[in-house]
């Protein structure tokens, strides 16, 4: 598993009352970058998609607003889009896209699923007119078109039931002109320059993703898939954040890996993993010792608490132990990490304050990692765990992790 930073640009889109209705998400190579530098539209689109889904979480990026995401033809034709929550996403068809019958049918299908469709940097031609009937939004770059050309084009497009977005609005005078022309929405430096947000990304082991994909293809038992997810702290973190995100539209909270796999289903889980695979590093070395510590801690907390708790509670113990190092892995405060995840309150209590039903078991597991083990006697007495049970659990946890061949 490798570690680096992912960056994503975010620029607001406003209505006529200057209220934010959504954000256009733009991939950034680093926090100082002003534009994407990629060899292909597919690579840029995939990176934005991955960052939106997993590395940052749609809810953290856009809140309750719409996410406008640029998609090239190759991304439109892929099944990765089905991983997004349609009601929250507007797909921006880039201007280089050609309107083939197959692509127009695909747009019709995506719109029927609930996605919004926007035409980016729109210029009216005999070709581009075919896209208009499938669009919810038409975006006009007023700098590229030139303000003298804008009123006539806006008027011509008003015969279609679409919202018109004025792009690249850079001055108060331009905003006033666009209001008078009748634009519905506005975007540009006059309102806000794209702000660049960053989050440290942890990449799941390339081999672990391949292993899970093979298991799903071979219709493995759900128990075995659950165990494979438990082996990779990055995978399990991303999966729970993805499926618990507000954008996924679930009415219930996912609290276990088994539940997540059941709700998501093998097909959607397979797609999600293939998306991760697209962006995973081509080479994956042995994961650092910190990751092994996280998995060991998860197993130890699970074993220590299994004498008192069972079922879903036992699975929560594993999550508490393994996720207790996410603040170190992601290089951000635990409170910030938990903002990107929707987890039960008792898990959060344990991770932040070492309190609640799971907190003492996590404290004991951490105390076992201290060479002095000075807190172990107090905590074992508090939990009424004998030295024999503690040692056996600790050895079992370490051997379990070794058998996983991390």
Protein backbone atom coordinates (compact mmCIF):
# COMPACT_ATOMS: atom_id res chain seq x y z
CA UNK A 1 0.00 0.00 0.00
CA UNK A 2 1.36 3.39 -0.96
CA UNK A 3 0.50 6.80 0.41
CA UNK A 4 0.26 10.27 -1.16
CA UNK A 5 -2.07 13.23 -1.43
CA UNK A 6 -5.08 13.64 -3.70
CA UNK A 7 -6.35 17.07 -4.56
CA UNK A 8 -9.60 18.16 -6.02
CA UNK A 9 -10.67 21.62 -7.12
CA UNK A 10 -14.16 22.85 -6.32
CA UNK A 11 -15.89 25.87 -7.86
CA UNK A 12 -19.43 26.92 -6.90
CA UNK A 13 -22.33 27.27 -9.34
CA UNK A 14 -24.94 29.84 -8.27
CA UNK A 15 -28.54 30.67 -9.15
CA UNK A 16 -29.93 34.13 -9.94
CA UNK A 17 -30.20 34.89 -6.21
CA UNK A 18 -26.49 34.03 -5.89
CA UNK A 19 -27.29 30.95 -3.81
CA UNK A 20 -25.00 27.96 -4.36
CA UNK A 21 -26.82 25.11 -6.12
CA UNK A 22 -23.78 22.92 -6.73
CA UNK A 23 -20.03 22.66 -7.24
CA UNK A 24 -18.01 21.71 -10.28
CA UNK A 25 -15.32 19.28 -9.17
CA UNK A 26 -11.96 19.60 -10.90
CA UNK A 27 -9.01 17.26 -10.52
CA UNK A 28 -5.73 18.79 -9.30
CA UNK A 29 -2.28 17.21 -9.23
CA UNK A 30 -1.27 19.29 -6.19
CA UNK A 31 -2.58 22.09 -4.02
CA UNK A 32 -0.93 24.81 -6.13
CA UNK A 33 -2.09 23.49 -9.50
CA UNK A 34 -4.48 25.64 -11.52
CA UNK A 35 -5.44 23.00 -14.07
CA UNK A 36 -5.40 19.27 -14.69
CA UNK A 37 -2.36 17.91 -16.52
CA UNK A 38 -3.35 14.54 -17.86
CA UNK A 39 -2.66 12.67 -21.04
CA UNK A 40 -6.28 11.62 -21.43
CA UNK A 41 -9.75 12.82 -20.48
CA UNK A 42 -10.46 9.33 -19.17
CA UNK A 43 -7.63 9.55 -16.66
CA UNK A 44 -8.77 12.96 -15.42
CA UNK A 45 -12.41 11.85 -15.20
CA UNK A 46 -11.49 8.65 -13.36
CA UNK A 47 -9.39 10.51 -10.82
CA UNK A 48 -12.16 13.00 -10.08
CA UNK A 49 -14.59 10.11 -9.75
CA UNK A 50 -12.33 8.15 -7.39
CA UNK A 51 -11.64 11.20 -5.26
CA UNK A 52 -15.34 12.03 -5.08
CA UNK A 53 -16.35 8.49 -4.18
CA UNK A 54 -13.67 7.36 -1.81
CA UNK A 55 -10.74 9.56 -0.98
CA UNK A 56 -12.80 12.47 0.26
CA UNK A 57 -16.47 11.53 0.20
CA UNK A 58 -19.18 13.33 -1.76
CA UNK A 59 -20.81 14.68 1.38
CA UNK A 60 -17.67 16.41 2.60
CA UNK A 61 -17.02 17.93 -0.84
CA UNK A 62 -20.43 19.25 -1.79
CA UNK A 63 -22.69 18.87 1.26
CA UNK A 64 -26.32 18.73 0.14
CA UNK A 65 -25.56 20.44 -3.19
CA UNK A 66 -25.12 18.97 -6.68
CA UNK A 67 -21.74 17.66 -7.84
CA UNK A 68 -20.95 18.67 -11.44
CA UNK A 69 -18.33 16.26 -12.84
CA UNK A 70 -16.68 16.48 -16.28
CA UNK A 71 -16.98 13.23 -18.22
CA UNK A 72 -15.37 12.40 -21.53
CA UNK A 73 -16.86 9.95 -24.02
CA UNK A 74 -14.89 6.98 -22.64
CA UNK A 75 -16.19 7.65 -19.12
CA UNK A 76 -19.76 8.10 -20.37
CA UNK A 77 -19.60 4.67 -21.97
CA UNK A 78 -18.12 2.99 -18.87
CA UNK A 79 -20.16 1.42 -16.08
CA UNK A 80 -18.24 3.37 -13.39
CA UNK A 81 -20.95 6.03 -13.43
CA UNK A 82 -23.41 3.57 -11.89
CA UNK A 83 -21.36 3.83 -8.67
CA UNK A 84 -22.54 7.41 -8.17
CA UNK A 85 -25.81 8.51 -6.61
CA UNK A 86 -27.68 9.88 -9.70
CA UNK A 87 -29.82 12.42 -7.83
CA UNK A 88 -26.69 14.15 -6.52
CA UNK A 89 -24.62 14.26 -9.70
CA UNK A 90 -24.66 16.30 -12.92
CA UNK A 91 -22.49 14.81 -15.66
CA UNK A 92 -20.79 17.50 -17.75
CA UNK A 93 -20.34 16.28 -21.33
CA UNK A 94 -17.08 17.81 -22.54
CA UNK A 95 -17.15 19.80 -25.77
CA UNK A 96 -14.96 17.33 -27.71
CA UNK A 97 -17.60 14.57 -27.44
CA UNK A 98 -19.17 13.44 -30.73
CA UNK A 99 -22.96 12.73 -30.81
CA UNK A 100 -23.14 9.14 -32.09
CA UNK A 101 -26.53 7.36 -31.90
CA UNK A 102 -25.10 4.99 -29.24
CA UNK A 103 -23.88 7.88 -27.10
CA UNK A 104 -27.18 9.76 -27.35
CA UNK A 105 -28.96 6.58 -26.25
CA UNK A 106 -26.53 6.29 -23.31
CA UNK A 107 -27.29 9.89 -22.27
CA UNK A 108 -31.01 9.13 -22.42
CA UNK A 109 -30.43 6.10 -20.19
CA UNK A 110 -28.32 8.06 -17.68
CA UNK A 111 -30.92 10.79 -17.49
CA UNK A 112 -33.63 8.17 -16.93
CA UNK A 113 -31.58 6.86 -14.00
CA UNK A 114 -31.77 10.33 -12.45
CA UNK A 115 -28.45 11.90 -13.48
CA UNK A 116 -28.41 15.53 -14.55
CA UNK A 117 -26.75 16.15 -17.94
CA UNK A 118 -24.84 19.37 -18.69
CA UNK A 119 -23.20 20.41 -21.96
CA UNK A 120 -19.88 22.07 -21.16
CA UNK A 121 -18.45 24.99 -23.21
CA UNK A 122 -21.40 24.64 -25.58
CA UNK A 123 -21.17 26.00 -29.11
CA UNK A 124 -24.21 25.58 -31.39
CA UNK A 125 -23.42 23.48 -34.48
CA UNK A 126 -25.30 20.96 -36.64
CA UNK A 127 -23.58 18.23 -34.60
CA UNK A 128 -23.94 19.65 -31.08
CA UNK A 129 -27.68 20.38 -31.47
CA UNK A 130 -28.30 16.61 -31.12
CA UNK A 131 -27.14 16.76 -27.50
CA UNK A 132 -29.51 19.53 -26.44
CA UNK A 133 -32.68 17.45 -26.09
CA UNK A 134 -30.87 15.20 -23.58
CA UNK A 135 -29.50 18.06 -21.45
CA UNK A 136 -30.71 19.64 -18.22
CA UNK A 137 -28.03 22.36 -18.31
CA UNK A 138 -26.22 24.17 -21.11
CA UNK A 139 -23.02 25.94 -20.08
CA UNK A 140 -21.86 28.89 -22.19
CA UNK A 141 -18.29 30.16 -21.79
CA UNK A 142 -18.88 33.90 -22.17
CA UNK A 143 -15.13 34.64 -22.53
CA UNK A 144 -14.67 32.15 -25.35
CA UNK A 145 -17.86 33.17 -27.16
CA UNK A 146 -17.40 36.89 -26.56
CA UNK A 147 -20.21 38.86 -24.89
CA UNK A 148 -21.56 40.33 -28.19
CA UNK A 149 -22.38 36.76 -29.39
CA UNK A 150 -23.98 35.58 -26.15
CA UNK A 151 -27.50 37.16 -26.24
CA UNK A 152 -28.44 35.68 -29.63
CA UNK A 153 -27.19 32.20 -28.72
CA UNK A 154 -28.94 32.31 -25.34
CA UNK A 155 -32.17 33.36 -27.05
CA UNK A 156 -31.84 30.60 -29.68
CA UNK A 157 -31.37 27.97 -26.94
CA UNK A 158 -34.35 29.18 -24.91
CA UNK A 159 -36.68 27.09 -27.08
CA UNK A 160 -35.28 24.04 -25.26
CA UNK A 161 -36.33 23.24 -21.64
CA UNK A 162 -32.82 23.55 -20.19
CA UNK A 163 -31.20 25.74 -17.56
CA UNK A 164 -28.51 28.03 -18.98
CA UNK A 165 -25.27 28.47 -17.04
CA UNK A 166 -22.96 31.43 -17.75
CA UNK A 167 -19.36 30.24 -17.32
CA UNK A 168 -16.23 32.38 -16.79
CA UNK A 169 -18.14 35.32 -15.30
CA UNK A 170 -15.22 37.48 -14.15
CA UNK A 171 -16.63 40.94 -13.37
CA UNK A 172 -19.67 42.55 -11.79
CA UNK A 173 -20.56 44.10 -15.16
CA UNK A 174 -20.52 40.66 -16.84
CA UNK A 175 -22.72 39.23 -14.08
CA UNK A 176 -25.21 42.09 -14.56
CA UNK A 177 -25.24 41.55 -18.34
CA UNK A 178 -25.82 37.80 -17.93
CA UNK A 179 -28.68 38.45 -15.51
CA UNK A 180 -30.31 40.76 -18.06
CA UNK A 181 -29.82 38.21 -20.86
CA UNK A 182 -31.74 35.72 -18.69
CA UNK A 183 -29.16 33.14 -17.58
CA UNK A 184 -30.39 30.81 -14.83
CA UNK A 185 -27.04 29.98 -13.23
CA UNK A 186 -23.56 31.47 -13.00
CA UNK A 187 -20.00 30.32 -12.45
CA UNK A 188 -16.70 32.17 -12.51
CA UNK A 189 -13.95 34.07 -10.76
CA UNK A 190 -16.33 36.95 -9.96
CA UNK A 191 -17.97 34.66 -7.39
CA UNK A 192 -15.09 32.40 -6.39
CA UNK A 193 -11.86 31.01 -7.73
CA UNK A 194 -11.70 27.23 -7.54
CA UNK A 195 -10.54 26.39 -4.02
CA UNK A 196 -8.31 23.36 -3.78
CA UNK A 197 -9.02 20.89 -1.00
CA UNK A 198 -6.65 18.11 -0.12
CA UNK A 199 -6.72 14.83 1.73
CA UNK A 200 -4.02 12.25 2.19
CA UNK A 201 -4.90 9.14 0.23
CA UNK A 202 -4.04 5.62 1.30
CA UNK A 203 -4.00 3.20 -1.59
CA UNK A 204 -5.14 -0.36 -0.96
CA UNK A 205 -2.71 -3.12 -1.81
CA UNK A 206 -2.87 -3.84 -5.52
CA UNK A 207 -2.73 -7.57 -4.76
CA UNK A 208 -5.63 -7.35 -2.29
CA UNK A 209 -7.85 -5.67 -4.88
CA UNK A 210 -7.02 -8.34 -7.45
CA UNK A 211 -7.66 -11.08 -4.90
CA UNK A 212 -11.10 -9.67 -4.05
CA UNK A 213 -12.00 -9.24 -7.71
CA UNK A 214 -11.15 -12.90 -8.31
CA UNK A 215 -13.18 -13.96 -5.27
CA UNK A 216 -16.21 -12.03 -6.52
CA UNK A 217 -15.80 -13.44 -10.03
CA UNK A 218 -15.74 -16.96 -8.55
CA UNK A 219 -18.81 -16.20 -6.42
CA UNK A 220 -16.95 -16.82 -3.14
CA UNK A 221 -18.77 -17.16 0.17
CA UNK A 222 -19.71 -13.82 1.73
CA UNK A 223 -17.76 -14.86 4.84
CA UNK A 224 -14.53 -15.17 2.81
CA UNK A 225 -15.08 -11.78 1.14
CA UNK A 226 -15.68 -10.24 4.56
CA UNK A 227 -12.39 -11.71 5.82
CA UNK A 228 -10.51 -10.42 2.76
CA UNK A 229 -11.83 -6.90 3.38
CA UNK A 230 -10.67 -7.11 7.00
CA UNK A 231 -7.09 -7.64 5.75
CA UNK A 232 -6.80 -4.19 4.19
CA UNK A 233 -7.35 -1.08 6.31
CA UNK A 234 -7.51 1.20 3.24
CA UNK A 235 -10.06 -0.94 1.41
CA UNK A 236 -12.35 -1.29 4.40
CA UNK A 237 -12.11 2.42 5.21
CA UNK A 238 -12.98 3.40 1.63
CA UNK A 239 -15.80 0.85 1.38
CA UNK A 240 -17.54 1.94 4.58
CA UNK A 241 -17.15 5.62 3.69
CA UNK A 242 -18.52 5.03 0.19
CA UNK A 243 -21.52 2.98 1.23
CA UNK A 244 -22.32 5.13 4.29
CA UNK A 245 -22.03 8.42 2.38
CA UNK A 246 -25.18 10.49 2.26
CA UNK A 247 -24.95 10.34 -1.51
CA UNK A 248 -25.51 6.59 -1.56
CA UNK A 249 -29.10 7.15 -0.48
CA UNK A 250 -29.40 4.42 2.14
CA UNK A 251 -32.05 4.72 4.82
CA UNK A 252 -30.11 2.52 7.24
CA UNK A 253 -26.60 2.76 8.69
CA UNK A 254 -24.05 0.16 7.58
CA UNK A 255 -22.26 -1.20 10.62
CA UNK A 256 -20.49 -4.34 9.44
CA UNK A 257 -18.57 -5.56 6.40
CA UNK A 258 -21.06 -8.40 5.91
CA UNK A 259 -23.93 -5.91 5.88
CA UNK A 260 -22.01 -3.66 3.43
CA UNK A 261 -21.37 -6.54 1.00
CA UNK A 262 -25.00 -7.69 1.27
CA UNK A 263 -26.40 -4.20 0.62
CA UNK A 264 -23.96 -3.36 -2.16
CA UNK A 265 -24.15 -6.77 -3.86
CA UNK A 266 -21.38 -8.59 -5.66
CA UNK A 267 -21.83 -6.79 -8.98
CA UNK A 268 -21.61 -3.26 -7.57
CA UNK A 269 -18.76 -4.24 -5.24
CA UNK A 270 -16.91 -5.63 -8.28
CA UNK A 271 -17.38 -2.35 -10.16
CA UNK A 272 -16.21 -0.32 -7.17
CA UNK A 273 -13.07 -2.45 -6.87
CA UNK A 274 -12.32 -2.17 -10.58
CA UNK A 275 -12.50 1.61 -10.24
CA UNK A 276 -9.97 1.46 -7.40
CA UNK A 277 -7.83 -0.82 -9.52
CA UNK A 278 -7.75 1.72 -12.35
CA UNK A 279 -6.12 4.27 -10.06
CA UNK A 280 -4.04 1.95 -7.87
CA UNK A 281 -0.30 2.17 -8.25
CA UNK A 282 1.05 -0.21 -10.87
CA UNK A 283 3.50 -1.53 -8.34
CA UNK A 284 2.53 -2.32 -4.79
CA UNK A 285 5.30 -3.10 -2.35
CA UNK A 286 4.88 -4.63 1.08
CA UNK A 287 2.64 -2.46 3.24
CA UNK A 288 4.43 -0.46 5.95
CA UNK A 289 4.62 -1.71 9.52
CA UNK A 290 1.96 0.82 10.52
CA UNK A 291 -0.65 -0.97 8.43
CA UNK A 292 0.24 -4.30 9.95
CA UNK A 293 -0.10 -2.70 13.39
CA UNK A 294 -3.57 -1.40 12.46
CA UNK A 295 -4.82 -4.83 11.36
CA UNK A 296 -3.23 -6.53 14.38
CA UNK A 297 -4.86 -4.01 16.69
CA UNK A 298 -8.23 -4.57 15.02
CA UNK A 299 -7.98 -8.32 15.54
CA UNK A 300 -6.77 -7.95 19.15
CA UNK A 301 -9.60 -5.57 20.10
CA UNK A 302 -12.04 -8.03 18.48
CA UNK A 303 -10.60 -10.99 20.43
CA UNK A 304 -10.48 -9.13 23.75
CA UNK A 305 -14.08 -8.00 23.46
CA UNK A 306 -15.45 -11.27 22.06
CA UNK A 307 -15.67 -12.68 25.59
CA UNK A 308 -18.30 -10.04 26.36
CA UNK A 309 -19.82 -9.05 23.00
CA UNK A 310 -20.89 -10.97 19.91
CA UNK A 311 -22.56 -10.60 16.52
CA UNK A 312 -22.44 -7.11 15.06
CA UNK A 313 -20.81 -5.77 18.24
CA UNK A 314 -17.86 -8.07 17.57
CA UNK A 315 -17.47 -6.67 14.05
CA UNK A 316 -17.58 -3.15 15.47
CA UNK A 317 -14.69 -4.07 17.79
CA UNK A 318 -12.56 -4.94 14.75
CA UNK A 319 -13.42 -1.62 13.08
CA UNK A 320 -12.57 0.31 16.27
CA UNK A 321 -9.16 -1.33 16.52
CA UNK A 322 -8.20 -1.05 12.87
CA UNK A 323 -9.52 2.49 12.34
CA UNK A 324 -7.81 3.78 15.52
CA UNK A 325 -4.69 4.45 13.43
CA UNK A 326 -6.44 6.24 10.56
CA UNK A 327 -5.49 9.64 11.98
CA UNK A 328 -1.82 8.64 11.67
CA UNK A 329 -2.26 6.98 8.26
CA UNK A 330 -4.15 9.94 6.84
CA UNK A 331 -2.15 12.59 8.70
CA UNK A 332 -5.23 14.40 10.00
CA UNK A 333 -7.08 14.67 13.35
CA UNK A 334 -9.42 11.77 14.15
CA UNK A 335 -12.37 14.19 14.34
CA UNK A 336 -11.68 15.21 10.71
CA UNK A 337 -11.36 11.57 9.64
CA UNK A 338 -14.74 10.75 11.21
CA UNK A 339 -16.37 13.67 9.37
CA UNK A 340 -15.82 11.69 6.16
CA UNK A 341 -17.35 8.51 7.61
CA UNK A 342 -20.78 7.82 9.00
CA UNK A 343 -20.14 5.44 11.90
CA UNK A 344 -22.23 4.50 14.93
CA UNK A 345 -21.80 6.87 17.89
CA UNK A 346 -20.29 4.19 20.12
CA UNK A 347 -17.51 3.57 17.58
CA UNK A 348 -16.79 7.31 17.38
CA UNK A 349 -16.72 7.56 21.19
CA UNK A 350 -14.09 4.84 21.29
CA UNK A 351 -11.97 6.36 18.51
CA UNK A 352 -12.01 9.91 19.88
CA UNK A 353 -12.25 9.51 23.67
CA UNK A 354 -11.48 5.79 24.26
CA UNK A 355 -14.89 5.74 25.96
CA UNK A 356 -18.15 3.82 25.62
CA UNK A 357 -18.53 0.05 25.36
CA UNK A 358 -15.56 -0.40 22.99
CA UNK A 359 -13.14 2.21 24.40
CA UNK A 360 -11.54 0.13 27.21
CA UNK A 361 -10.76 -2.77 24.83
CA UNK A 362 -9.01 -0.34 22.46
CA UNK A 363 -7.09 1.16 25.38
CA UNK A 364 -5.91 -2.30 26.41
CA UNK A 365 -4.81 -3.19 22.88
CA UNK A 366 -2.84 0.08 22.67
CA UNK A 367 -1.29 -0.58 26.11
CA UNK A 368 -0.03 -3.93 24.80
CA UNK A 369 1.97 -2.05 22.14
CA UNK A 370 3.78 0.01 24.79
CA UNK A 371 7.15 -1.63 25.64
CA UNK A 372 6.65 -0.78 29.34
CA UNK A 373 3.07 -2.16 29.36
CA UNK A 374 2.57 0.03 32.40
CA UNK A 375 -1.18 0.47 31.91
CA UNK A 376 -1.92 -3.21 31.22
CA UNK A 377 -2.48 -4.32 34.87
CA UNK A 378 -5.00 -1.53 35.54
CA UNK A 379 -6.93 -2.16 32.31
CA UNK A 380 -7.02 -5.96 32.61
CA UNK A 381 -8.37 -5.59 36.14
CA UNK A 382 -10.99 -3.10 34.97
CA UNK A 383 -12.14 -5.48 32.22
CA UNK A 384 -11.64 -8.60 34.36
CA UNK A 385 -9.40 -10.14 31.72
CA UNK A 386 -6.76 -12.54 33.02
CA UNK A 387 -3.14 -12.37 31.94
CA UNK A 388 -3.58 -15.76 30.28
CA UNK A 389 -6.54 -14.59 28.17
CA UNK A 390 -4.70 -11.39 27.25
CA UNK A 391 -1.51 -13.17 26.18
CA UNK A 392 -3.40 -15.82 24.21
CA UNK A 393 -5.44 -13.12 22.45
CA UNK A 394 -2.33 -11.10 21.66
CA UNK A 395 -0.48 -14.10 20.22
CA UNK A 396 -3.56 -15.16 18.24
CA UNK A 397 -3.91 -11.66 16.79
CA UNK A 398 -0.28 -11.51 15.70
CA UNK A 399 -0.31 -15.00 14.20
CA UNK A 400 -3.61 -14.26 12.41
CA UNK A 401 -2.03 -11.22 10.75
CA UNK A 402 1.07 -13.22 9.79
CA UNK A 403 -1.13 -15.87 8.17
CA UNK A 404 -2.74 -13.11 6.08
CA UNK A 405 0.73 -12.58 4.56
CA UNK A 406 0.35 -8.79 4.57
